[in-house]
Amino acid sequence: MSDAVKVGFVPFSTAPRGVLVVFCDDALKFGAATQKALGTAANSIKRASAASRFKGKSGSTLDIPAPEGIKADRLIVVGAGKPAEIKEKDYLKFGGVTAGKLNAASETVTVIAELPDGAMGADAAAAIASGMRLRAYKFDRYKTKKKDENEALRADVSIAVGDVAAARKAFAPAAHVVDGVIMARELVNEPPNVLYPVEFARRASQLKKLGVDIEVLDVKAMTKLGMGALLGVAQGSTQPGRMVIMRWNGGKKGDQPVAFVGKGVCFDTGGISIKGAASMEDMKGDMGGAACVVGLMHALAARKAKVNAVGAIGLVENMPDGNAQRPGDIVTSMSGQTIEIINTDAEGRLVLADVLWYVAKKFKPKFMIDLATLTGAIMVALGTQHAGLFSNNDELAERLTKIGLDTDERVWRMPLGPDYDKMIDSQFADVKNAGVRNGGSITAAQFLQRFVDNTPWAHLDIAGTAMGAPKTEINHSWGSGYGVRLLDRLVSEYYEAKK
């Protein structure tokens, strides 16, 4: 992993080293510990603020090289805005903004986690640490010649806090969630000649080291189970398909698990209904849902989450060779439902159909959430700021919506209903895998709903948020790792908390 930001927590009395980072409000006021650390350098801040029109707005920065009056190489002032308006997710962004101001290569950094009204809480300090690590991530494994400006950040960060023990305790689980996000980013960013279904399954299997039970189903096993929908997609590639089942048993024995299902199309040409050449290279990221599930299972296991959880991913390549399925083919899914293939580029829902049915029937989960880079139509509807949320359960949908706002991994609920079923009824089979262009993300979700039985279920269409999304304060990677923080928080707030 490209993760070389080392974070530790120290008391306010520790002498600053290297780059000093401090926080102010929109009135350019500082806390008592910050003022003591700054000493006469506060005068430099006043002059520089006036010259650069820095007003302490949330996320804004003031950079003063070689500040007078303190032994620091640089002084970075981060604006926190109006104290009464600061939200939990803002601290994560403050950490990202801080990391974004640091130079590549090696840095020694001291961050004073204090606002004008006093020390930041332990959770806030942990969020700053998480934000710094997330922003510093860079996927540069295959660069043999690196220019200075493209070097990954290497930093030794000391975060000065009011309660060191509390901050360390708060950051311990948060660090594992960050590891999960970075794992998901690594998987999405890997090239498809490196990360094909068998290799993806091997990497997911490494979660055994954390105590996760792993089962990998090969083509023979899936054929025996009758997974004709998933195997129909896989048959056009020389790389055989796989399904990986990951089980974390951190809850009470016998408790129903919660379940997460990921679409893992390691490369998608569109099959016989082949895509255009423009930007086809981006289809290495069509396994963003599976990447999220692996990252999430890592986070849950590493932080010893008190929950029973199942993660399931269907791994295939969608290729157009002479053995590929054709438009007009009819396949039989594990559920027994027959599917007419209208468009071989509507392949992700075929993969998910069998995995969803398998999980619903075998594990009977409390709820089941699938994540998939499923449709371009969701980006037409929502852009890249929200994932599309479809659900047969209002309570689950409301929880996801609330947590999405809290974590800034936002979702927007889209409709489902019988009228959309009519758009995918087939003349020759039980259902067809694509309707007309209008409402494409909705009919895709409506298709999936036929394979969840009566399980409380939510579908997240993450086509716009998992890969190629706009850069943010905490992510400058092409693969964002979207969904890991959202779903880890869902488990933490609504299931572990009730134990």
Protein backbone atom coordinates (compact mmCIF):
# COMPACT_ATOMS: atom_id res chain seq x y z
CA MET A 1 0.00 0.00 0.00
CA SER A 2 1.12 3.52 -0.77
CA ASP A 3 0.55 4.76 2.76
CA ALA A 4 3.55 6.37 4.42
CA VAL A 5 1.96 8.94 6.72
CA LYS A 6 2.77 7.88 10.25
CA VAL A 7 0.51 9.49 12.84
CA GLY A 8 1.01 9.72 16.58
CA PHE A 9 -0.55 11.76 19.39
CA VAL A 10 1.39 13.92 21.85
CA PRO A 11 0.43 16.38 24.63
CA PHE A 12 0.13 20.11 23.96
CA SER A 13 3.34 20.71 25.88
CA THR A 14 5.43 18.90 23.25
CA ALA A 15 7.74 21.24 21.33
CA PRO A 16 6.65 21.60 17.68
CA ARG A 17 8.86 20.05 15.01
CA GLY A 18 9.20 20.68 11.28
CA VAL A 19 6.00 22.05 9.77
CA LEU A 20 3.60 23.49 12.35
CA VAL A 21 -0.13 23.31 11.60
CA VAL A 22 -2.63 25.31 13.65
CA PHE A 23 -6.35 26.06 13.41
CA CYS A 24 -8.25 29.32 13.68
CA ASP A 25 -11.88 30.36 13.42
CA ASP A 26 -13.41 32.91 11.05
CA ALA A 27 -12.34 35.69 13.42
CA LEU A 28 -8.70 34.53 13.20
CA LYS A 29 -8.73 33.54 16.88
CA PHE A 30 -6.62 30.70 18.31
CA GLY A 31 -6.81 28.49 21.39
CA ALA A 32 -4.60 29.03 24.42
CA ALA A 33 -2.17 26.17 23.66
CA THR A 34 -1.87 27.36 20.07
CA GLN A 35 -1.14 30.93 21.13
CA LYS A 36 1.56 29.69 23.48
CA ALA A 37 3.18 27.62 20.72
CA LEU A 38 3.04 30.53 18.27
CA GLY A 39 4.49 33.17 20.55
CA THR A 40 5.54 36.21 18.55
CA ALA A 41 4.83 34.33 15.29
CA ALA A 42 1.21 35.36 15.77
CA ASN A 43 2.24 38.78 14.47
CA SER A 44 3.38 37.17 11.22
CA ILE A 45 -0.03 35.56 10.87
CA LYS A 46 -1.78 38.92 11.21
CA ARG A 47 0.37 40.50 8.52
CA ALA A 48 0.16 37.53 6.15
CA SER A 49 -3.62 37.26 6.64
CA ALA A 50 -4.11 40.88 5.68
CA ALA A 51 -1.84 40.56 2.66
CA SER A 52 -3.45 37.38 1.34
CA ARG A 53 -7.03 38.17 2.44
CA PHE A 54 -7.14 35.01 4.54
CA LYS A 55 -10.31 35.14 6.66
CA GLY A 56 -10.32 31.71 8.31
CA LYS A 57 -13.12 30.23 6.20
CA SER A 58 -13.65 26.52 6.63
CA GLY A 59 -10.97 24.60 4.74
CA SER A 60 -8.99 27.65 3.67
CA THR A 61 -5.25 27.82 4.41
CA LEU A 62 -2.50 30.34 5.04
CA ASP A 63 1.06 29.18 4.37
CA ILE A 64 3.98 31.05 5.93
CA PRO A 65 7.48 29.72 5.13
CA ALA A 66 10.26 30.17 7.70
CA PRO A 67 8.06 32.03 10.21
CA GLU A 68 9.79 34.39 12.59
CA GLY A 69 9.61 33.71 16.31
CA ILE A 70 9.26 29.91 16.30
CA LYS A 71 11.48 26.99 15.39
CA ALA A 72 9.40 25.72 12.48
CA ASP A 73 10.24 25.30 8.81
CA ARG A 74 6.74 26.37 7.80
CA LEU A 75 3.60 27.51 9.51
CA ILE A 76 0.28 26.42 8.03
CA VAL A 77 -2.90 27.97 9.39
CA VAL A 78 -6.09 26.06 8.56
CA GLY A 79 -9.37 27.92 8.73
CA ALA A 80 -12.12 26.12 10.63
CA GLY A 81 -14.87 28.66 9.92
CA LYS A 82 -17.59 29.42 12.45
CA PRO A 83 -17.13 27.08 15.46
CA ALA A 84 -20.88 26.57 15.87
CA GLU A 85 -21.14 25.29 12.29
CA ILE A 86 -18.34 22.71 12.41
CA LYS A 87 -19.61 19.18 11.79
CA GLU A 88 -17.97 15.83 12.43
CA LYS A 89 -17.09 15.30 8.77
CA ASP A 90 -15.34 18.69 8.67
CA TYR A 91 -12.50 17.40 10.86
CA LEU A 92 -11.81 14.68 8.30
CA LYS A 93 -11.60 17.40 5.65
CA PHE A 94 -9.32 19.52 7.83
CA GLY A 95 -6.92 16.60 7.92
CA GLY A 96 -7.15 16.22 4.17
CA VAL A 97 -6.54 19.92 3.60
CA THR A 98 -3.51 19.75 5.89
CA ALA A 99 -1.98 16.80 4.02
CA GLY A 100 -2.66 18.56 0.74
CA LYS A 101 -0.47 21.48 1.78
CA LEU A 102 2.53 19.32 2.65
CA ASN A 103 5.36 18.79 0.20
CA ALA A 104 6.09 15.44 -1.36
CA ALA A 105 8.98 13.36 -0.01
CA SER A 106 9.72 13.54 3.71
CA GLU A 107 8.10 15.94 6.16
CA THR A 108 8.04 16.19 9.95
CA VAL A 109 4.76 17.73 11.00
CA THR A 110 3.20 18.93 14.25
CA VAL A 111 -0.54 19.56 14.25
CA ILE A 112 -2.08 21.35 17.23
CA ALA A 113 -5.62 19.98 17.48
CA GLU A 114 -7.22 22.96 19.16
CA LEU A 115 -9.90 25.52 18.36
CA PRO A 116 -10.37 28.91 20.06
CA ASP A 117 -12.74 27.42 22.65
CA GLY A 118 -10.36 24.62 23.63
CA ALA A 119 -8.91 21.26 22.66
CA MET A 120 -10.62 19.26 19.94
CA GLY A 121 -12.24 16.09 21.19
CA ALA A 122 -10.66 12.68 20.75
CA ASP A 123 -12.93 11.78 17.83
CA ALA A 124 -12.11 15.06 16.08
CA ALA A 125 -8.37 14.52 16.48
CA ALA A 126 -8.76 10.96 15.16
CA ALA A 127 -10.69 12.30 12.17
CA ILE A 128 -7.88 14.74 11.38
CA ALA A 129 -5.41 11.85 11.46
CA SER A 130 -7.68 9.79 9.19
CA GLY A 131 -8.11 12.67 6.76
CA MET A 132 -4.37 13.13 6.48
CA ARG A 133 -3.81 9.47 5.68
CA LEU A 134 -6.63 9.36 3.14
CA ARG A 135 -5.47 12.46 1.30
CA ALA A 136 -1.84 11.32 1.24
CA TYR A 137 -2.68 8.07 -0.56
CA LYS A 138 -1.17 7.83 -4.01
CA PHE A 139 -1.16 4.87 -6.42
CA ASP A 140 2.27 5.02 -8.05
CA ARG A 141 3.35 1.39 -8.05
CA TYR A 142 4.03 1.27 -11.77
CA LYS A 143 5.91 4.55 -12.15
CA THR A 144 9.62 3.86 -12.64
CA LYS A 145 10.56 7.52 -13.03
CA LYS A 146 9.00 9.90 -10.55
CA LYS A 147 9.23 13.65 -10.78
CA ASP A 148 9.54 15.56 -7.52
CA GLU A 149 6.02 16.96 -7.76
CA ASN A 150 4.61 13.47 -8.28
CA GLU A 151 6.36 11.87 -5.32
CA ALA A 152 4.12 10.31 -2.72
CA LEU A 153 4.02 12.12 0.60
CA ARG A 154 6.17 10.72 3.38
CA ALA A 155 5.35 12.31 6.71
CA ASP A 156 5.93 11.78 10.42
CA VAL A 157 2.95 13.52 12.00
CA SER A 158 2.54 14.38 15.68
CA ILE A 159 -0.95 15.56 16.61
CA ALA A 160 -0.95 17.55 19.85
CA VAL A 161 -4.11 16.90 21.85
CA GLY A 162 -5.58 17.53 25.28
CA ASP A 163 -6.00 13.83 26.10
CA VAL A 164 -3.44 11.57 24.43
CA ALA A 165 -4.91 8.29 25.69
CA ALA A 166 -8.42 9.19 24.50
CA ALA A 167 -7.16 10.23 21.06
CA ARG A 168 -5.22 7.00 20.63
CA LYS A 169 -8.27 4.99 21.66
CA ALA A 170 -10.47 6.86 19.18
CA PHE A 171 -7.99 6.49 16.34
CA ALA A 172 -7.41 2.75 16.79
CA PRO A 173 -10.65 1.64 15.05
CA ALA A 174 -10.61 4.64 12.68
CA ALA A 175 -7.16 3.62 11.44
CA HIS A 176 -8.51 0.20 10.45
CA VAL A 177 -11.33 1.84 8.49
CA VAL A 178 -8.76 3.98 6.68
CA ASP A 179 -6.83 0.79 5.89
CA GLY A 180 -10.03 -0.64 4.41
CA VAL A 181 -10.57 2.42 2.22
CA ILE A 182 -6.97 2.27 1.01
CA MET A 183 -7.35 -1.44 0.27
CA ALA A 184 -10.42 -0.70 -1.85
CA ARG A 185 -8.54 2.07 -3.69
CA GLU A 186 -5.62 -0.25 -4.37
CA LEU A 187 -7.91 -2.84 -5.92
CA VAL A 188 -9.75 -0.35 -8.13
CA ASN A 189 -6.54 1.26 -9.34
CA GLU A 190 -4.77 -1.98 -10.30
CA PRO A 191 -4.54 -2.65 -14.06
CA PRO A 192 -6.74 -5.46 -15.41
CA ASN A 193 -3.81 -7.58 -16.61
CA VAL A 194 -2.71 -7.74 -12.96
CA LEU A 195 -6.08 -7.97 -11.20
CA TYR A 196 -8.18 -10.60 -12.97
CA PRO A 197 -10.77 -12.80 -11.18
CA VAL A 198 -8.41 -15.47 -9.84
CA GLU A 199 -5.92 -12.87 -8.56
CA PHE A 200 -8.71 -10.79 -7.04
CA ALA A 201 -9.94 -13.89 -5.22
CA ARG A 202 -6.41 -14.55 -3.97
CA ARG A 203 -6.12 -11.04 -2.56
CA ALA A 204 -9.51 -11.24 -0.88
CA SER A 205 -8.41 -14.54 0.65
CA GLN A 206 -5.63 -12.74 2.51
CA LEU A 207 -8.29 -11.59 4.97
CA LYS A 208 -7.84 -15.01 6.56
CA LYS A 209 -4.96 -13.42 8.47
CA LEU A 210 -7.51 -11.27 10.31
CA GLY A 211 -9.74 -14.19 11.21
CA VAL A 212 -12.14 -13.94 8.28
CA ASP A 213 -13.48 -17.28 7.01
CA ILE A 214 -12.96 -17.50 3.25
CA GLU A 215 -14.63 -19.74 0.68
CA VAL A 216 -13.76 -19.44 -3.01
CA LEU A 217 -16.15 -21.02 -5.52
CA ASP A 218 -14.67 -21.93 -8.90
CA VAL A 219 -16.49 -22.53 -12.19
CA LYS A 220 -17.22 -26.17 -11.34
CA ALA A 221 -18.76 -25.25 -7.98
CA MET A 222 -20.84 -22.43 -9.46
CA THR A 223 -22.02 -24.69 -12.28
CA LYS A 224 -23.19 -27.22 -9.72
CA LEU A 225 -25.13 -24.47 -7.94
CA GLY A 226 -26.80 -23.45 -11.19
CA MET A 227 -25.31 -19.95 -11.43
CA GLY A 228 -26.05 -19.60 -15.14
CA ALA A 229 -26.36 -15.81 -15.02
CA LEU A 230 -22.88 -15.17 -13.57
CA LEU A 231 -21.27 -17.91 -15.66
CA GLY A 232 -22.90 -16.58 -18.81
CA VAL A 233 -20.93 -13.37 -18.39
CA ALA A 234 -17.69 -15.17 -17.54
CA GLN A 235 -17.77 -17.61 -20.46
CA GLY A 236 -16.39 -15.09 -22.97
CA SER A 237 -13.06 -14.72 -21.18
CA THR A 238 -10.01 -16.94 -20.92
CA GLN A 239 -9.91 -15.86 -17.25
CA PRO A 240 -12.32 -18.09 -15.28
CA GLY A 241 -14.87 -16.55 -12.97
CA ARG A 242 -14.84 -16.84 -9.20
CA MET A 243 -17.14 -16.12 -6.28
CA VAL A 244 -15.63 -15.32 -2.89
CA ILE A 245 -17.57 -15.59 0.37
CA MET A 246 -16.02 -13.80 3.36
CA ARG A 247 -17.46 -14.34 6.84
CA TRP A 248 -16.58 -12.33 9.94
CA ASN A 249 -18.11 -13.83 13.08
CA GLY A 250 -17.65 -11.10 15.66
CA GLY A 251 -21.17 -11.19 17.08
CA LYS A 252 -23.05 -13.73 19.16
CA LYS A 253 -23.10 -17.26 17.89
CA GLY A 254 -26.33 -17.87 16.02
CA ASP A 255 -27.12 -14.20 15.41
CA GLN A 256 -28.27 -13.41 11.89
CA PRO A 257 -25.48 -11.80 9.90
CA VAL A 258 -25.60 -8.59 7.93
CA ALA A 259 -24.55 -9.06 4.31
CA PHE A 260 -22.71 -7.05 1.67
CA VAL A 261 -22.51 -8.05 -1.99
CA GLY A 262 -20.17 -6.53 -4.57
CA LYS A 263 -20.09 -6.53 -8.35
CA GLY A 264 -16.62 -7.62 -9.43
CA VAL A 265 -16.31 -7.22 -13.20
CA CYS A 266 -12.53 -7.00 -13.38
CA PHE A 267 -12.72 -5.69 -16.91
CA ASP A 268 -15.76 -4.87 -19.01
CA THR A 269 -15.52 -4.60 -22.77
CA GLY A 270 -19.29 -4.81 -23.04
CA GLY A 271 -18.99 -8.29 -24.52
CA ILE A 272 -20.63 -8.79 -27.94
CA SER A 273 -22.48 -5.49 -27.33
CA ILE A 274 -19.03 -3.95 -27.26
CA LYS A 275 -18.36 -0.51 -25.85
CA GLY A 276 -16.75 2.30 -27.79
CA ALA A 277 -12.99 2.59 -27.52
CA ALA A 278 -13.07 6.02 -25.83
CA SER A 279 -12.30 5.62 -22.12
CA MET A 280 -12.69 1.85 -22.19
CA GLU A 281 -9.55 1.71 -20.07
CA ASP A 282 -11.67 2.98 -17.19
CA MET A 283 -13.52 -0.33 -17.18
CA LYS A 284 -10.74 -1.79 -15.04
CA GLY A 285 -12.72 -0.13 -12.23
CA ASP A 286 -15.95 -2.00 -12.91
CA MET A 287 -15.18 -4.05 -9.81
CA GLY A 288 -15.49 -1.04 -7.49
CA GLY A 289 -18.37 -2.68 -5.61
CA ALA A 290 -16.35 -5.82 -4.93
CA ALA A 291 -13.36 -3.69 -3.90
CA CYS A 292 -15.54 -1.88 -1.36
CA VAL A 293 -16.82 -5.15 0.11
CA VAL A 294 -13.27 -6.46 0.57
CA GLY A 295 -12.18 -3.17 2.16
CA LEU A 296 -15.22 -3.19 4.43
CA MET A 297 -14.63 -6.77 5.57
CA HIS A 298 -11.01 -5.82 6.31
CA ALA A 299 -12.19 -2.88 8.43
CA LEU A 300 -14.74 -4.94 10.36
CA ALA A 301 -12.31 -7.76 11.09
CA ALA A 302 -9.33 -5.54 11.91
CA ARG A 303 -11.27 -3.49 14.44
CA LYS A 304 -12.95 -6.62 15.84
CA ALA A 305 -16.46 -5.42 15.09
CA LYS A 306 -19.06 -7.04 17.32
CA VAL A 307 -21.22 -8.23 14.46
CA ASN A 308 -21.63 -11.26 12.23
CA ALA A 309 -21.05 -10.13 8.66
CA VAL A 310 -20.98 -11.80 5.26
CA GLY A 311 -19.20 -10.28 2.27
CA ALA A 312 -19.78 -11.87 -1.13
CA ILE A 313 -18.25 -10.87 -4.47
CA GLY A 314 -18.83 -12.21 -7.96
CA LEU A 315 -15.67 -11.93 -10.08
CA VAL A 316 -15.69 -12.12 -13.89
CA GLU A 317 -14.34 -10.53 -17.02
CA ASN A 318 -16.82 -9.52 -19.74
CA MET A 319 -15.05 -10.26 -23.02
CA PRO A 320 -16.20 -10.72 -26.65
CA ASP A 321 -14.56 -13.93 -27.81
CA GLY A 322 -16.18 -16.73 -29.83
CA ASN A 323 -17.57 -18.35 -26.70
CA ALA A 324 -19.18 -15.16 -25.34
CA GLN A 325 -22.90 -15.06 -24.75
CA ARG A 326 -24.98 -13.29 -27.40
CA PRO A 327 -27.92 -10.92 -27.40
CA GLY A 328 -30.90 -13.22 -27.67
CA ASP A 329 -29.44 -15.95 -25.46
CA ILE A 330 -31.54 -17.16 -22.53
CA VAL A 331 -29.77 -18.20 -19.34
CA THR A 332 -31.10 -19.77 -16.16
CA SER A 333 -30.13 -18.12 -12.89
CA MET A 334 -29.53 -19.92 -9.60
CA SER A 335 -33.01 -18.81 -8.52
CA GLY A 336 -34.52 -20.75 -11.43
CA GLN A 337 -35.66 -17.57 -13.14
CA THR A 338 -34.80 -17.40 -16.83
CA ILE A 339 -33.19 -14.27 -18.26
CA GLU A 340 -33.22 -13.13 -21.87
CA ILE A 341 -29.98 -11.37 -22.79
CA ILE A 342 -30.86 -8.17 -24.62
CA ASN A 343 -27.54 -6.40 -24.14
CA THR A 344 -24.34 -8.16 -23.06
CA ASP A 345 -23.11 -4.83 -21.65
CA ALA A 346 -25.81 -5.08 -18.97
CA GLU A 347 -23.67 -7.78 -17.36
CA GLY A 348 -23.22 -6.59 -13.78
CA ARG A 349 -26.82 -7.29 -12.86
CA LEU A 350 -26.41 -10.86 -14.13
CA VAL A 351 -23.44 -11.40 -11.84
CA LEU A 352 -25.26 -9.88 -8.89
CA ALA A 353 -28.44 -11.86 -9.53
CA ASP A 354 -26.78 -15.15 -8.65
CA VAL A 355 -24.67 -13.81 -5.79
CA LEU A 356 -27.64 -12.04 -4.18
CA TRP A 357 -29.78 -15.16 -4.41
CA TYR A 358 -27.01 -17.33 -2.97
CA VAL A 359 -26.47 -15.00 0.00
CA ALA A 360 -30.17 -14.50 0.68
CA LYS A 361 -30.94 -18.21 0.69
CA LYS A 362 -27.83 -19.53 2.43
CA PHE A 363 -27.29 -16.92 5.14
CA LYS A 364 -30.77 -15.38 5.61
CA PRO A 365 -29.24 -12.02 6.63
CA LYS A 366 -30.89 -9.24 8.63
CA PHE A 367 -30.36 -7.10 5.60
CA MET A 368 -28.38 -7.25 2.38
CA ILE A 369 -26.69 -4.32 0.63
CA ASP A 370 -25.13 -4.62 -2.80
CA LEU A 371 -22.71 -2.14 -4.32
CA ALA A 372 -22.10 -1.95 -8.04
CA THR A 373 -20.71 0.36 -10.69
CA LEU A 374 -23.86 -0.64 -12.49
CA THR A 375 -25.12 2.05 -14.86
CA GLY A 376 -24.02 5.17 -16.66
CA ALA A 377 -27.62 6.27 -16.27
CA ILE A 378 -27.10 6.97 -12.57
CA MET A 379 -24.46 9.56 -13.46
CA VAL A 380 -26.89 11.22 -15.85
CA ALA A 381 -29.35 11.46 -12.96
CA LEU A 382 -27.04 12.28 -10.02
CA GLY A 383 -23.64 13.25 -11.41
CA THR A 384 -20.74 12.06 -9.28
CA GLN A 385 -21.80 13.64 -5.98
CA HIS A 386 -24.27 10.96 -4.86
CA ALA A 387 -24.61 7.22 -5.26
CA GLY A 388 -28.02 6.01 -6.31
CA LEU A 389 -29.92 4.24 -3.51
CA PHE A 390 -32.69 1.77 -4.24
CA SER A 391 -34.34 -0.22 -1.47
CA ASN A 392 -37.30 -2.38 -0.54
CA ASN A 393 -36.98 -1.27 3.10
CA ASP A 394 -37.66 2.30 4.24
CA GLU A 395 -35.82 1.95 7.57
CA LEU A 396 -32.64 0.74 5.89
CA ALA A 397 -32.86 3.46 3.26
CA GLU A 398 -33.31 6.17 5.89
CA ARG A 399 -30.30 4.95 7.85
CA LEU A 400 -28.11 4.93 4.76
CA THR A 401 -29.26 8.42 3.82
CA LYS A 402 -28.50 9.83 7.27
CA ILE A 403 -25.09 8.20 7.52
CA GLY A 404 -24.28 9.29 4.00
CA LEU A 405 -24.71 12.90 5.10
CA ASP A 406 -22.64 12.34 8.25
CA THR A 407 -19.74 10.70 6.40
CA ASP A 408 -20.05 12.71 3.17
CA GLU A 409 -20.44 9.47 1.24
CA ARG A 410 -23.83 10.64 0.12
CA VAL A 411 -26.70 8.65 -1.38
CA TRP A 412 -29.93 9.72 -3.04
CA ARG A 413 -32.95 7.46 -2.95
CA MET A 414 -34.44 6.55 -6.31
CA PRO A 415 -37.82 4.93 -6.99
CA LEU A 416 -38.80 1.30 -7.45
CA GLY A 417 -42.23 0.06 -8.43
CA PRO A 418 -44.32 -2.39 -10.46
CA ASP A 419 -44.53 -0.02 -13.42
CA TYR A 420 -40.80 -0.41 -13.95
CA ASP A 421 -41.14 -4.20 -13.87
CA LYS A 422 -43.17 -3.99 -17.05
CA MET A 423 -40.17 -2.45 -18.80
CA ILE A 424 -38.07 -5.60 -18.25
CA ASP A 425 -40.73 -8.27 -18.79
CA SER A 426 -39.55 -10.58 -21.58
CA GLN A 427 -41.54 -12.12 -24.41
CA PHE A 428 -39.45 -15.28 -24.28
CA ALA A 429 -38.17 -15.62 -20.69
CA ASP A 430 -39.11 -14.58 -17.16
CA VAL A 431 -37.20 -11.32 -17.41
CA LYS A 432 -34.84 -9.54 -19.78
CA ASN A 433 -31.58 -7.99 -18.63
CA ALA A 434 -32.19 -4.52 -20.11
CA GLY A 435 -35.12 -2.27 -20.80
CA VAL A 436 -35.30 0.87 -22.85
CA ARG A 437 -32.82 3.71 -22.33
CA ASN A 438 -35.15 5.79 -20.16
CA GLY A 439 -34.93 4.97 -16.46
CA GLY A 440 -31.93 2.69 -17.02
CA SER A 441 -30.63 2.77 -13.46
CA ILE A 442 -34.14 2.11 -12.12
CA THR A 443 -34.85 -0.88 -14.32
CA ALA A 444 -31.44 -2.30 -13.40
CA ALA A 445 -32.38 -2.08 -9.71
CA GLN A 446 -35.83 -3.47 -10.46
CA PHE A 447 -34.10 -6.44 -12.10
CA LEU A 448 -31.96 -7.03 -9.00
CA GLN A 449 -34.98 -6.89 -6.72
CA ARG A 450 -36.26 -10.09 -8.33
CA PHE A 451 -33.30 -11.95 -6.83
CA VAL A 452 -33.38 -10.86 -3.18
CA ASP A 453 -36.42 -12.90 -2.17
CA ASN A 454 -37.98 -11.15 0.87
CA THR A 455 -34.70 -10.00 2.40
CA PRO A 456 -34.51 -6.32 3.49
CA TRP A 457 -32.24 -5.00 0.74
CA ALA A 458 -30.58 -1.89 -0.61
CA HIS A 459 -28.75 -1.42 -3.88
CA LEU A 460 -26.11 1.29 -4.22
CA ASP A 461 -25.27 2.24 -7.79
CA ILE A 462 -21.78 3.68 -7.31
CA ALA A 463 -20.82 4.17 -10.96
CA GLY A 464 -20.29 7.89 -10.40
CA THR A 465 -18.64 7.78 -6.99
CA ALA A 466 -16.28 4.77 -6.97
CA MET A 467 -13.98 5.63 -9.88
CA GLY A 468 -12.99 8.76 -11.71
CA ALA A 469 -15.00 10.98 -9.34
CA PRO A 470 -13.86 14.58 -8.79
CA LYS A 471 -10.98 15.07 -6.38
CA THR A 472 -11.94 15.98 -2.82
CA GLU A 473 -10.14 17.14 0.31
CA ILE A 474 -9.61 13.50 1.34
CA ASN A 475 -9.20 11.79 -2.01
CA HIS A 476 -6.95 12.52 -4.97
CA SER A 477 -7.03 8.92 -6.19
CA TRP A 478 -8.86 7.76 -9.33
CA GLY A 479 -10.37 4.96 -7.28
CA SER A 480 -12.06 6.56 -4.28
CA GLY A 481 -12.82 3.57 -2.04
CA TYR A 482 -16.39 4.88 -1.79
CA GLY A 483 -18.68 2.93 0.50
CA VAL A 484 -16.25 1.54 3.08
CA ARG A 485 -16.73 4.40 5.56
CA LEU A 486 -20.47 4.57 4.88
CA LEU A 487 -21.13 0.89 5.55
CA ASP A 488 -18.71 0.56 8.46
CA ARG A 489 -20.58 3.41 10.15
CA LEU A 490 -23.91 1.72 9.40
CA VAL A 491 -22.73 -1.42 11.17
CA SER A 492 -21.24 0.53 14.06
CA GLU A 493 -24.20 2.81 14.75
CA TYR A 494 -27.14 0.51 14.17
CA TYR A 495 -25.97 -3.01 14.87
CA GLU A 496 -22.98 -3.07 17.17
CA ALA A 497 -24.47 -0.27 19.30
CA LYS A 498 -27.57 -2.35 20.01
CA LYS A 499 -25.64 -5.28 21.46
